Amino acid sequence: MDVEAELIPSLQVKLQESKTTAEWFRNRSRCNFSNRLPPELLSRIFHLALDNHSCAKNYYCGTETRADSVYPIVLSQVCSYWRKVAFSTPVLWAHIDLSTSATLNQLRLNRLAKLHLDLAGGIPLNLHVFDSRKYPMSPFSPCDPLHSLIVQLSGRAYSLNLDAGQDYDCTIHGGILSALFEGAVAGRLATITMSHEDIYHSVIKGKDHISADPEDVRVNLLTEQLEEILSGVVVLHLNRIYPQWNSRAFHGLAELRLRDMYSSVHIKEAEFVGILRLSPRLRILELGVEIDDPLPTNARVTGVPLESLEILDLSGTRCCWHAIILRWLNPGSNPLQFKLYRGTCENLETKISLGPFLSRSNITRVFETGLNLLHILDLLELCPNLQEMVVSWVNACATNPLQIEDTGRISLTRLECLYVTGSSVHVEDIIALMNVPTFTVKTAVFYDCILLHGDIRIPIDQEETQLEELRRSNPDVTCIWWTNVSSPVESWNASNRRDEGHV
């Protein structure tokens, strides 16, 4: 025992030497590839890695998580070189999260926000206020400490995001939204995101506006003051909370998203066209609204040139409005991504509703849900530059074989890639598509699908056999494969990237 006791000091010395060596290797060794990267490149990698991870909402809407586990703090814990680069890159810390729950703010987010503010320096901020399912929201008033903090931070914000949930409260969330606008600086604020998941919708109005619905948000600013702030916005994401349709918020936009609004939100066709004409450089357009007072279907209209349009998403709009909306859109020569959805009971006459628009657009990528086989073949016929198609929930079984045979005589676009996504995919539907004589595709990829054959799930150990049969019957297809990773479709959407261009 005495001998072992005498060995302890020497072992402690050796342990410390080993720890020192390991620390040196991790922090300074030139053999470590990450330590050989220039700080400018490493900081850019950090910025890309933080995409969709820097928001605290991801961590506080279910299970409890330590505040220091939220990016970008973890980057500073890898080694001293990473810590130095992370702490000296202000843009990594520009995202500030606050909650509608005073408890969550006191326990976690206030400390995190202070750290981000210290390291962000004087650059513009991305201010995000969100609901947490685990922490109930707190009452809100001008006397609340959160009010003064929001007003202070929004004065530095280039981006404001009010992210309410299903428990939307017009008094609480409206008060927070008012505070966000009270502190905002006209000309600095460029991006606004406002959303809630309640069944109602709210219109934002100034305090001097005469008429107001109980669900409307009355901002503690005069209408002209509010309009001055909104007039500088170029990116607008709205979900059931929106300015009046004649607001200057809809002037000069590069990106407009009206999401999940069709069940209760209406816009007159003339108002919609007015927004298009006042935003000629629109790059991304997503619509989920109902159209009021439409012109007759056969009315002659003068389309709106949208030379910069790159993404058009009508997946939130009922098929009956497609022709009315699309007749106004004249995209330029840019490659265009087009997304649409057909409900189970909806009728879609592809060539009538979509044909004129498709023929004057350079559509290279289509993401469709709920279309039958004839719809897909029509899209291939009408989009000669189509390169990639995403098919989710296709129904070939309900299609008349004679109609398919007639369509199959028409020359169709050769696809570079066919992506098949969705929880359940019938193999016979895909076979029916691939067996159309003039349909050709280079690569077919099944992303995270449950493969069915005759409404019966194909066992996992037999999925490869089914795909092998597809390969044999379609020798022109270079590759057919299945993967359990999530579909890359969402990453195609340019709006999902961080607003890095504003800071």
Protein backbone atom coordinates (compact mmCIF):
# COMPACT_ATOMS: atom_id res chain seq x y z
CA MET A 1 0.00 0.00 0.00
CA ASP A 2 2.87 2.38 0.85
CA VAL A 3 4.50 1.71 -2.51
CA GLU A 4 1.25 2.48 -4.31
CA ALA A 5 0.85 5.68 -2.31
CA GLU A 6 4.33 6.77 -3.34
CA LEU A 7 3.44 6.23 -7.01
CA ILE A 8 0.43 8.56 -6.91
CA PRO A 9 2.38 11.87 -7.19
CA SER A 10 4.40 10.59 -10.15
CA LEU A 11 1.25 9.33 -11.87
CA GLN A 12 -0.40 12.71 -11.36
CA VAL A 13 2.59 14.40 -13.00
CA LYS A 14 2.42 12.04 -15.97
CA LEU A 15 -1.34 12.57 -16.24
CA GLN A 16 -0.86 16.32 -16.31
CA GLU A 17 1.86 16.00 -18.94
CA SER A 18 -0.45 13.87 -21.08
CA LYS A 19 -3.27 16.39 -20.73
CA THR A 20 -0.94 19.23 -21.67
CA THR A 21 0.25 17.34 -24.74
CA ALA A 22 -3.32 16.57 -25.79
CA GLU A 23 -4.34 20.21 -25.30
CA TRP A 24 -1.37 21.40 -27.33
CA PHE A 25 -2.18 18.99 -30.15
CA ARG A 26 -5.83 19.98 -30.19
CA ASN A 27 -5.17 23.72 -30.00
CA ARG A 28 -1.94 24.29 -31.89
CA SER A 29 -0.82 21.26 -33.81
CA ARG A 30 -0.41 21.98 -37.52
CA CYS A 31 -1.30 18.34 -38.14
CA ASN A 32 -4.87 19.23 -37.19
CA PHE A 33 -6.47 20.16 -40.52
CA SER A 34 -8.95 22.63 -39.01
CA ASN A 35 -6.09 24.56 -37.43
CA ARG A 36 -4.49 25.06 -40.84
CA LEU A 37 -7.53 26.83 -42.29
CA PRO A 38 -7.25 30.62 -42.59
CA PRO A 39 -9.55 32.39 -40.11
CA GLU A 40 -11.53 34.01 -42.97
CA LEU A 41 -12.33 30.60 -44.45
CA LEU A 42 -13.07 28.98 -41.09
CA SER A 43 -15.43 31.80 -40.12
CA ARG A 44 -17.27 31.33 -43.42
CA ILE A 45 -17.59 27.60 -42.73
CA PHE A 46 -18.95 28.44 -39.28
CA HIS A 47 -21.51 30.74 -40.87
CA LEU A 48 -22.70 28.02 -43.24
CA ALA A 49 -22.74 25.42 -40.46
CA LEU A 50 -24.99 27.64 -38.36
CA ASP A 51 -27.71 27.63 -41.00
CA ASN A 52 -30.98 26.77 -39.17
CA HIS A 53 -29.05 25.86 -35.99
CA SER A 54 -28.44 29.23 -34.37
CA CYS A 55 -32.06 29.67 -33.26
CA ALA A 56 -32.84 28.84 -29.63
CA LYS A 57 -36.44 27.90 -30.50
CA ASN A 58 -35.13 24.56 -31.77
CA TYR A 59 -33.92 23.80 -28.26
CA TYR A 60 -36.68 25.15 -26.03
CA CYS A 61 -39.86 23.85 -27.61
CA GLY A 62 -39.85 20.39 -26.10
CA THR A 63 -37.15 19.14 -23.81
CA GLU A 64 -34.99 21.21 -21.51
CA THR A 65 -31.58 22.06 -22.91
CA ARG A 66 -28.68 23.97 -21.43
CA ALA A 67 -28.37 27.43 -22.94
CA ASP A 68 -24.70 26.93 -23.77
CA SER A 69 -25.57 23.97 -26.01
CA VAL A 70 -27.08 26.39 -28.53
CA TYR A 71 -24.95 27.29 -31.51
CA PRO A 72 -22.68 29.20 -32.01
CA ILE A 73 -21.40 28.73 -28.47
CA VAL A 74 -20.49 25.10 -29.14
CA LEU A 75 -18.05 26.25 -31.83
CA SER A 76 -16.05 28.06 -29.18
CA GLN A 77 -15.69 24.89 -27.11
CA VAL A 78 -13.79 22.79 -29.66
CA CYS A 79 -10.34 24.33 -29.29
CA SER A 80 -8.67 27.66 -28.61
CA TYR A 81 -8.25 28.42 -32.34
CA TRP A 82 -11.94 27.84 -33.06
CA ARG A 83 -12.85 29.91 -30.00
CA LYS A 84 -10.67 32.78 -31.19
CA VAL A 85 -12.19 32.70 -34.68
CA ALA A 86 -15.78 32.35 -33.40
CA PHE A 87 -15.43 35.18 -30.88
CA SER A 88 -13.88 37.47 -33.49
CA THR A 89 -16.65 36.90 -36.09
CA PRO A 90 -19.54 39.22 -35.12
CA VAL A 91 -21.93 37.96 -37.80
CA LEU A 92 -22.13 34.57 -36.03
CA TRP A 93 -23.73 36.26 -33.03
CA ALA A 94 -26.20 38.58 -34.76
CA HIS A 95 -29.21 36.30 -34.10
CA ILE A 96 -30.90 37.31 -30.82
CA ASP A 97 -33.63 35.07 -29.36
CA LEU A 98 -36.25 36.13 -26.84
CA SER A 99 -39.31 34.24 -25.66
CA THR A 100 -42.86 35.29 -24.87
CA SER A 101 -42.26 33.46 -21.57
CA ALA A 102 -40.62 35.57 -18.86
CA THR A 103 -39.59 32.34 -17.13
CA LEU A 104 -37.63 31.06 -20.11
CA ASN A 105 -36.01 34.45 -20.62
CA GLN A 106 -34.89 34.62 -16.98
CA LEU A 107 -33.68 31.02 -16.86
CA ARG A 108 -31.92 30.83 -20.21
CA LEU A 109 -32.30 33.43 -22.90
CA ASN A 110 -31.36 36.70 -21.19
CA ARG A 111 -27.86 35.40 -20.51
CA LEU A 112 -27.58 34.04 -24.03
CA ALA A 113 -28.83 37.30 -25.54
CA LYS A 114 -26.28 39.32 -23.54
CA LEU A 115 -23.45 37.11 -24.78
CA HIS A 116 -24.60 37.48 -28.38
CA LEU A 117 -24.91 41.25 -28.03
CA ASP A 118 -21.41 41.53 -26.57
CA LEU A 119 -19.88 39.49 -29.40
CA ALA A 120 -22.01 40.94 -32.22
CA GLY A 121 -20.52 44.35 -31.65
CA GLY A 122 -22.31 47.06 -33.57
CA ILE A 123 -23.56 45.07 -36.57
CA PRO A 124 -27.31 44.88 -37.39
CA LEU A 125 -29.29 42.20 -35.57
CA ASN A 126 -31.76 39.45 -36.46
CA LEU A 127 -34.31 39.68 -33.62
CA HIS A 128 -36.54 36.65 -33.05
CA VAL A 129 -39.37 36.46 -30.48
CA PHE A 130 -40.99 33.03 -30.21
CA ASP A 131 -43.49 30.93 -28.27
CA SER A 132 -42.29 27.84 -26.44
CA ARG A 133 -44.60 24.89 -25.87
CA LYS A 134 -42.87 24.05 -22.61
CA TYR A 135 -42.88 27.55 -21.15
CA PRO A 136 -46.27 29.34 -21.19
CA MET A 137 -46.29 32.94 -22.37
CA SER A 138 -46.41 35.74 -19.83
CA PRO A 139 -48.56 38.88 -19.72
CA PHE A 140 -47.05 41.75 -21.68
CA SER A 141 -47.36 45.50 -21.16
CA PRO A 142 -45.28 48.66 -21.67
CA CYS A 143 -44.19 48.31 -18.03
CA ASP A 144 -42.75 44.85 -18.65
CA PRO A 145 -38.91 44.67 -18.82
CA LEU A 146 -39.25 42.69 -22.05
CA HIS A 147 -40.98 45.67 -23.68
CA SER A 148 -38.07 48.05 -23.17
CA LEU A 149 -35.59 45.35 -24.22
CA ILE A 150 -37.47 44.65 -27.47
CA VAL A 151 -37.72 48.37 -28.30
CA GLN A 152 -34.00 48.77 -27.65
CA LEU A 153 -32.95 45.75 -29.73
CA SER A 154 -35.34 46.40 -32.62
CA GLY A 155 -33.59 49.71 -33.18
CA ARG A 156 -30.55 47.71 -34.29
CA ALA A 157 -32.49 45.07 -36.21
CA TYR A 158 -32.35 44.45 -39.95
CA SER A 159 -34.72 41.49 -39.41
CA LEU A 160 -37.72 41.09 -37.09
CA ASN A 161 -39.48 37.78 -36.52
CA LEU A 162 -42.59 37.29 -34.37
CA ASP A 163 -43.08 33.54 -34.19
CA ALA A 164 -46.35 32.80 -32.38
CA GLY A 165 -47.89 29.37 -31.98
CA GLN A 166 -51.37 27.92 -31.69
CA ASP A 167 -52.06 29.84 -28.47
CA TYR A 168 -51.98 33.15 -30.28
CA ASP A 169 -53.18 35.98 -28.06
CA CYS A 170 -53.90 39.23 -29.87
CA THR A 171 -53.25 41.29 -26.73
CA ILE A 172 -49.91 39.70 -25.83
CA HIS A 173 -48.53 39.05 -29.30
CA GLY A 174 -49.99 42.28 -30.65
CA GLY A 175 -48.26 44.18 -27.85
CA ILE A 176 -44.95 42.50 -28.66
CA LEU A 177 -45.39 43.27 -32.36
CA SER A 178 -46.14 46.88 -31.50
CA ALA A 179 -42.93 47.07 -29.45
CA LEU A 180 -40.95 45.59 -32.34
CA PHE A 181 -42.20 48.33 -34.68
CA GLU A 182 -41.90 51.11 -32.09
CA GLY A 183 -38.14 50.64 -31.93
CA ALA A 184 -37.54 49.78 -35.60
CA VAL A 185 -35.57 52.21 -37.75
CA ALA A 186 -36.85 53.05 -41.23
CA GLY A 187 -34.31 52.12 -43.87
CA ARG A 188 -32.51 49.64 -41.62
CA LEU A 189 -35.30 47.10 -41.25
CA ALA A 190 -35.20 44.90 -44.37
CA THR A 191 -36.83 41.58 -43.40
CA ILE A 192 -40.09 40.94 -41.53
CA THR A 193 -41.45 37.53 -40.58
CA MET A 194 -44.77 37.33 -38.75
CA SER A 195 -46.74 34.16 -38.10
CA HIS A 196 -49.18 32.44 -35.82
CA GLU A 197 -51.03 29.12 -36.00
CA ASP A 198 -54.46 30.19 -34.79
CA ILE A 199 -57.49 29.89 -37.08
CA TYR A 200 -57.99 33.66 -37.18
CA HIS A 201 -56.02 36.31 -39.01
CA SER A 202 -54.85 39.73 -37.88
CA VAL A 203 -54.33 42.91 -39.88
CA ILE A 204 -51.69 45.39 -38.68
CA LYS A 205 -52.95 48.96 -38.38
CA GLY A 206 -51.75 52.25 -36.93
CA LYS A 207 -53.25 53.60 -33.72
CA ASP A 208 -55.05 56.35 -35.66
CA HIS A 209 -56.83 53.93 -38.00
CA ILE A 210 -60.59 54.43 -37.74
CA SER A 211 -61.94 50.89 -38.19
CA ALA A 212 -60.50 47.78 -36.61
CA ASP A 213 -61.53 44.17 -36.14
CA PRO A 214 -61.11 42.69 -32.63
CA GLU A 215 -58.39 40.42 -34.03
CA ASP A 216 -56.45 43.28 -35.63
CA VAL A 217 -53.14 44.47 -34.19
CA ARG A 218 -53.12 48.17 -33.30
CA VAL A 219 -49.50 49.32 -33.33
CA ASN A 220 -48.62 52.22 -31.03
CA LEU A 221 -47.55 54.33 -34.00
CA LEU A 222 -49.40 56.64 -36.34
CA THR A 223 -50.22 55.05 -39.68
CA GLU A 224 -47.71 57.26 -41.51
CA GLN A 225 -44.95 56.35 -39.02
CA LEU A 226 -45.73 52.66 -39.45
CA GLU A 227 -45.76 52.98 -43.24
CA GLU A 228 -42.39 54.74 -43.24
CA ILE A 229 -40.86 51.78 -41.39
CA LEU A 230 -42.54 49.21 -43.63
CA SER A 231 -41.57 50.96 -46.86
CA GLY A 232 -37.93 49.84 -46.61
CA VAL A 233 -38.71 46.13 -46.28
CA VAL A 234 -37.56 43.87 -49.14
CA VAL A 235 -38.34 40.42 -47.65
CA LEU A 236 -41.80 39.71 -46.23
CA HIS A 237 -42.88 36.35 -44.75
CA LEU A 238 -46.47 36.41 -43.49
CA ASN A 239 -48.64 33.73 -41.92
CA ARG A 240 -52.04 34.99 -40.74
CA ILE A 241 -50.58 38.37 -39.66
CA TYR A 242 -50.19 40.96 -42.38
CA PRO A 243 -50.33 44.69 -43.17
CA GLN A 244 -53.21 46.11 -45.16
CA TRP A 245 -52.95 45.16 -48.82
CA ASN A 246 -52.44 48.79 -49.85
CA SER A 247 -49.53 49.19 -47.42
CA ARG A 248 -46.12 50.34 -48.63
CA ALA A 249 -44.81 47.13 -47.07
CA PHE A 250 -45.69 45.47 -50.39
CA HIS A 251 -43.66 47.91 -52.50
CA GLY A 252 -40.26 46.99 -53.89
CA LEU A 253 -40.15 43.45 -52.52
CA ALA A 254 -37.59 40.84 -53.52
CA GLU A 255 -39.37 38.07 -51.63
CA LEU A 256 -43.03 37.70 -50.65
CA ARG A 257 -44.47 34.71 -48.84
CA LEU A 258 -48.12 34.52 -47.84
CA ARG A 259 -48.30 31.16 -46.11
CA ASP A 260 -51.20 29.04 -44.81
CA MET A 261 -53.66 31.85 -45.34
CA TYR A 262 -56.13 30.57 -47.92
CA SER A 263 -58.68 29.32 -45.39
CA SER A 264 -59.42 32.77 -44.00
CA VAL A 265 -57.49 35.45 -45.89
CA HIS A 266 -58.81 37.06 -49.06
CA ILE A 267 -57.20 39.52 -51.43
CA LYS A 268 -58.91 41.22 -54.34
CA GLU A 269 -57.43 40.42 -57.72
CA ALA A 270 -56.79 44.13 -58.32
CA GLU A 271 -54.87 44.36 -55.02
CA PHE A 272 -52.80 41.32 -55.91
CA VAL A 273 -51.91 42.73 -59.32
CA GLY A 274 -51.04 46.06 -57.71
CA ILE A 275 -48.54 44.33 -55.43
CA LEU A 276 -46.95 42.60 -58.42
CA ARG A 277 -46.62 45.84 -60.37
CA LEU A 278 -45.01 47.60 -57.40
CA SER A 279 -42.46 44.79 -56.89
CA PRO A 280 -41.03 44.20 -60.38
CA ARG A 281 -37.79 42.71 -58.98
CA LEU A 282 -39.62 39.97 -57.09
CA ARG A 283 -37.40 36.89 -56.87
CA ILE A 284 -39.49 34.58 -54.68
CA LEU A 285 -43.29 34.46 -54.61
CA GLU A 286 -45.33 32.11 -52.43
CA LEU A 287 -49.10 32.42 -52.29
CA GLY A 288 -51.66 30.87 -49.97
CA VAL A 289 -54.66 33.17 -50.28
CA GLU A 290 -58.18 33.28 -51.68
CA ILE A 291 -58.87 35.65 -54.59
CA ASP A 292 -61.79 38.08 -54.28
CA ASP A 293 -63.57 39.88 -57.14
CA PRO A 294 -61.71 38.10 -59.95
CA LEU A 295 -62.06 39.20 -63.55
CA PRO A 296 -63.80 36.74 -65.88
CA THR A 297 -61.63 33.78 -66.84
CA ASN A 298 -61.56 34.85 -70.48
CA ALA A 299 -60.74 38.51 -69.74
CA ARG A 300 -57.77 39.95 -71.66
CA VAL A 301 -55.08 41.11 -69.25
CA THR A 302 -51.67 42.72 -69.56
CA GLY A 303 -49.22 40.56 -67.67
CA VAL A 304 -46.68 41.87 -65.16
CA PRO A 305 -43.00 41.41 -66.15
CA LEU A 306 -41.10 39.65 -63.34
CA GLU A 307 -37.64 39.32 -64.85
CA SER A 308 -35.98 38.22 -61.59
CA LEU A 309 -38.49 35.53 -60.56
CA GLU A 310 -36.71 32.30 -59.51
CA ILE A 311 -39.18 30.53 -57.20
CA LEU A 312 -42.96 30.32 -57.54
CA ASP A 313 -44.83 28.36 -54.87
CA LEU A 314 -48.57 27.83 -55.29
CA SER A 315 -48.75 24.77 -53.04
CA GLY A 316 -50.85 26.72 -50.52
CA THR A 317 -53.35 27.92 -53.14
CA ARG A 318 -56.38 25.99 -54.30
CA CYS A 319 -56.27 24.79 -57.90
CA CYS A 320 -59.28 26.92 -58.85
CA TRP A 321 -57.16 30.07 -58.48
CA HIS A 322 -54.16 28.91 -60.54
CA ALA A 323 -55.32 30.25 -63.89
CA ILE A 324 -56.36 33.61 -62.39
CA ILE A 325 -53.01 34.09 -60.63
CA LEU A 326 -50.76 32.80 -63.39
CA ARG A 327 -52.27 34.87 -66.19
CA TRP A 328 -50.63 37.94 -64.63
CA LEU A 329 -47.12 36.50 -64.27
CA ASN A 330 -44.55 37.00 -67.04
CA PRO A 331 -41.26 35.57 -65.74
CA GLY A 332 -37.94 36.40 -67.37
CA SER A 333 -35.33 33.99 -68.67
CA ASN A 334 -34.06 32.92 -65.24
CA PRO A 335 -34.42 29.21 -64.39
CA LEU A 336 -37.66 28.93 -62.44
CA GLN A 337 -38.62 26.51 -59.66
CA PHE A 338 -42.37 25.79 -59.58
CA LYS A 339 -44.23 24.14 -56.71
CA LEU A 340 -47.88 23.10 -56.74
CA TYR A 341 -50.30 20.91 -54.83
CA ARG A 342 -53.59 19.27 -55.76
CA GLY A 343 -55.97 18.22 -53.00
CA THR A 344 -57.70 14.86 -53.19
CA CYS A 345 -61.03 16.31 -54.34
CA GLU A 346 -59.64 19.15 -56.46
CA ASN A 347 -59.89 19.23 -60.22
CA LEU A 348 -56.82 20.41 -62.12
CA GLU A 349 -56.87 20.87 -65.89
CA THR A 350 -53.15 21.21 -66.41
CA LYS A 351 -53.06 22.52 -69.96
CA ILE A 352 -55.88 25.01 -69.39
CA SER A 353 -54.87 26.28 -65.93
CA LEU A 354 -51.09 26.10 -66.25
CA GLY A 355 -50.35 25.75 -69.96
CA PRO A 356 -50.05 29.42 -71.05
CA PHE A 357 -47.84 30.24 -68.05
CA LEU A 358 -45.62 27.18 -68.47
CA SER A 359 -45.09 27.90 -72.16
CA ARG A 360 -43.71 31.39 -71.48
CA SER A 361 -41.53 30.38 -68.49
CA ASN A 362 -38.12 28.74 -68.23
CA ILE A 363 -39.11 26.11 -65.68
CA THR A 364 -36.26 23.78 -64.78
CA ARG A 365 -37.52 22.27 -61.54
CA VAL A 366 -41.00 21.17 -60.47
CA PHE A 367 -42.12 19.98 -57.05
CA GLU A 368 -45.62 18.51 -57.19
CA THR A 369 -47.91 16.81 -54.71
CA GLY A 370 -51.18 15.04 -55.45
CA LEU A 371 -50.98 15.05 -59.24
CA ASN A 372 -51.99 12.02 -61.24
CA LEU A 373 -49.94 10.48 -64.03
CA LEU A 374 -51.54 12.55 -66.79
CA HIS A 375 -50.77 15.77 -64.92
CA ILE A 376 -47.10 14.77 -64.72
CA LEU A 377 -46.95 13.92 -68.41
CA ASP A 378 -48.59 17.25 -69.24
CA LEU A 379 -45.95 19.07 -67.21
CA LEU A 380 -43.19 17.24 -69.07
CA GLU A 381 -44.77 18.19 -72.37
CA LEU A 382 -45.26 21.86 -71.43
CA CYS A 383 -41.85 22.42 -69.80
CA PRO A 384 -39.17 21.70 -72.43
CA ASN A 385 -36.35 22.86 -70.12
CA LEU A 386 -37.39 20.78 -67.12
CA GLN A 387 -34.40 19.04 -65.51
CA GLU A 388 -35.60 17.83 -62.12
CA MET A 389 -38.99 16.75 -60.87
CA VAL A 390 -40.07 15.91 -57.34
CA VAL A 391 -43.05 13.58 -57.13
CA SER A 392 -44.89 13.24 -53.83
CA TRP A 393 -48.11 11.25 -53.59
CA VAL A 394 -48.71 10.39 -57.23
CA ASN A 395 -51.82 8.46 -58.22
CA ALA A 396 -51.44 6.52 -61.45
CA CYS A 397 -54.08 3.91 -60.71
CA ALA A 398 -57.00 6.28 -61.33
CA THR A 399 -55.75 7.28 -64.78
CA ASN A 400 -57.35 6.04 -67.99
CA PRO A 401 -54.77 3.79 -69.77
CA LEU A 402 -56.02 4.98 -73.19
CA GLN A 403 -55.28 8.59 -72.26
CA ILE A 404 -51.80 7.59 -71.16
CA GLU A 405 -51.28 5.80 -74.46
CA ASP A 406 -52.33 8.93 -76.40
CA THR A 407 -50.07 11.17 -74.31
CA GLY A 408 -47.23 8.69 -74.64
CA ARG A 409 -47.00 9.41 -78.37
CA ILE A 410 -45.96 13.02 -77.66
CA SER A 411 -42.26 13.81 -77.31
CA LEU A 412 -41.50 14.55 -73.66
CA THR A 413 -38.62 16.24 -71.89
CA ARG A 414 -35.79 13.96 -70.77
CA LEU A 415 -35.40 14.42 -67.03
CA GLU A 416 -32.01 14.50 -65.39
CA CYS A 417 -33.46 13.35 -62.09
CA LEU A 418 -36.78 12.14 -60.71
CA TYR A 419 -37.07 12.44 -56.92
CA VAL A 420 -39.80 10.40 -55.23
CA THR A 421 -40.71 11.50 -51.71
CA GLY A 422 -43.55 10.96 -49.29
CA SER A 423 -44.50 8.62 -46.49
CA SER A 424 -45.99 5.99 -48.82
CA VAL A 425 -45.20 5.35 -52.47
CA HIS A 426 -46.91 2.76 -54.65
CA VAL A 427 -44.33 1.02 -56.80
CA GLU A 428 -46.92 0.34 -59.50
CA ASP A 429 -47.49 4.09 -59.87
CA ILE A 430 -43.82 4.69 -60.55
CA ILE A 431 -43.71 1.73 -62.94
CA ALA A 432 -46.69 3.18 -64.83
CA LEU A 433 -44.84 6.49 -65.18
CA MET A 434 -41.59 4.91 -66.31
CA ASN A 435 -43.36 2.67 -68.79
CA VAL A 436 -44.76 5.61 -70.77
CA PRO A 437 -42.95 5.14 -74.13
CA THR A 438 -41.65 8.70 -74.46
CA PHE A 439 -40.79 9.23 -70.79
CA THR A 440 -37.04 9.12 -70.12
CA VAL A 441 -35.09 9.89 -66.98
CA LYS A 442 -31.42 9.60 -66.13
CA THR A 443 -31.65 9.05 -62.37
CA ALA A 444 -34.53 8.09 -60.09
CA VAL A 445 -34.13 8.49 -56.33
CA PHE A 446 -36.55 7.35 -53.63
CA TYR A 447 -36.10 9.49 -50.52
CA ASP A 448 -37.20 8.14 -47.16
CA CYS A 449 -40.22 6.36 -48.63
CA ILE A 450 -42.32 3.44 -47.51
CA LEU A 451 -42.68 1.36 -50.66
CA LEU A 452 -46.09 -0.23 -51.23
CA HIS A 453 -47.25 -2.83 -53.70
CA GLY A 454 -51.01 -3.19 -53.96
CA ASP A 455 -51.50 -1.24 -50.70
CA ILE A 456 -49.26 -3.74 -48.90
CA ARG A 457 -45.96 -2.53 -47.52
CA ILE A 458 -42.94 -4.12 -49.12
CA PRO A 459 -40.69 -5.58 -46.41
CA ILE A 460 -37.43 -3.70 -45.98
CA ASP A 461 -35.41 -6.74 -47.01
CA GLN A 462 -37.35 -6.88 -50.31
CA GLU A 463 -37.13 -3.19 -51.26
CA GLU A 464 -33.88 -3.68 -53.12
CA THR A 465 -35.48 -6.52 -55.11
CA GLN A 466 -38.32 -4.22 -56.19
CA LEU A 467 -35.86 -1.54 -57.26
CA GLU A 468 -33.86 -4.13 -59.17
CA GLU A 469 -36.99 -5.00 -61.13
CA LEU A 470 -37.39 -1.31 -61.95
CA ARG A 471 -33.80 -1.22 -63.19
CA ARG A 472 -34.31 -4.24 -65.43
CA SER A 473 -37.50 -2.85 -66.95
CA ASN A 474 -35.95 0.61 -67.43
CA PRO A 475 -32.43 0.03 -68.78
CA ASP A 476 -32.12 3.65 -69.93
CA VAL A 477 -32.24 4.84 -66.34
CA THR A 478 -28.65 5.22 -65.20
CA CYS A 479 -29.39 4.88 -61.51
CA ILE A 480 -32.36 3.88 -59.36
CA TRP A 481 -31.74 3.90 -55.64
CA TRP A 482 -33.40 4.30 -52.26
CA THR A 483 -32.09 6.15 -49.23
CA ASN A 484 -33.43 6.64 -45.73
CA VAL A 485 -32.14 10.21 -45.47
CA SER A 486 -34.58 13.08 -45.67
CA SER A 487 -35.41 14.58 -49.03
CA PRO A 488 -33.24 17.51 -50.11
CA VAL A 489 -36.30 19.28 -51.47
CA GLU A 490 -36.57 21.77 -48.61
CA SER A 491 -32.97 22.79 -49.07
CA TRP A 492 -33.84 23.80 -52.64
CA ASN A 493 -35.91 26.63 -51.30
CA ALA A 494 -33.71 29.70 -51.32
CA SER A 495 -35.75 31.32 -48.55
CA ASN A 496 -34.56 28.72 -46.07
CA ARG A 497 -31.04 30.10 -46.21
CA ARG A 498 -30.01 32.55 -43.53
CA ASP A 499 -30.33 36.24 -44.34
CA GLU A 500 -26.57 36.57 -44.63
CA GLY A 501 -26.70 39.27 -47.22
CA HIS A 502 -28.03 41.91 -44.83
CA VAL A 503 -25.28 41.92 -42.23
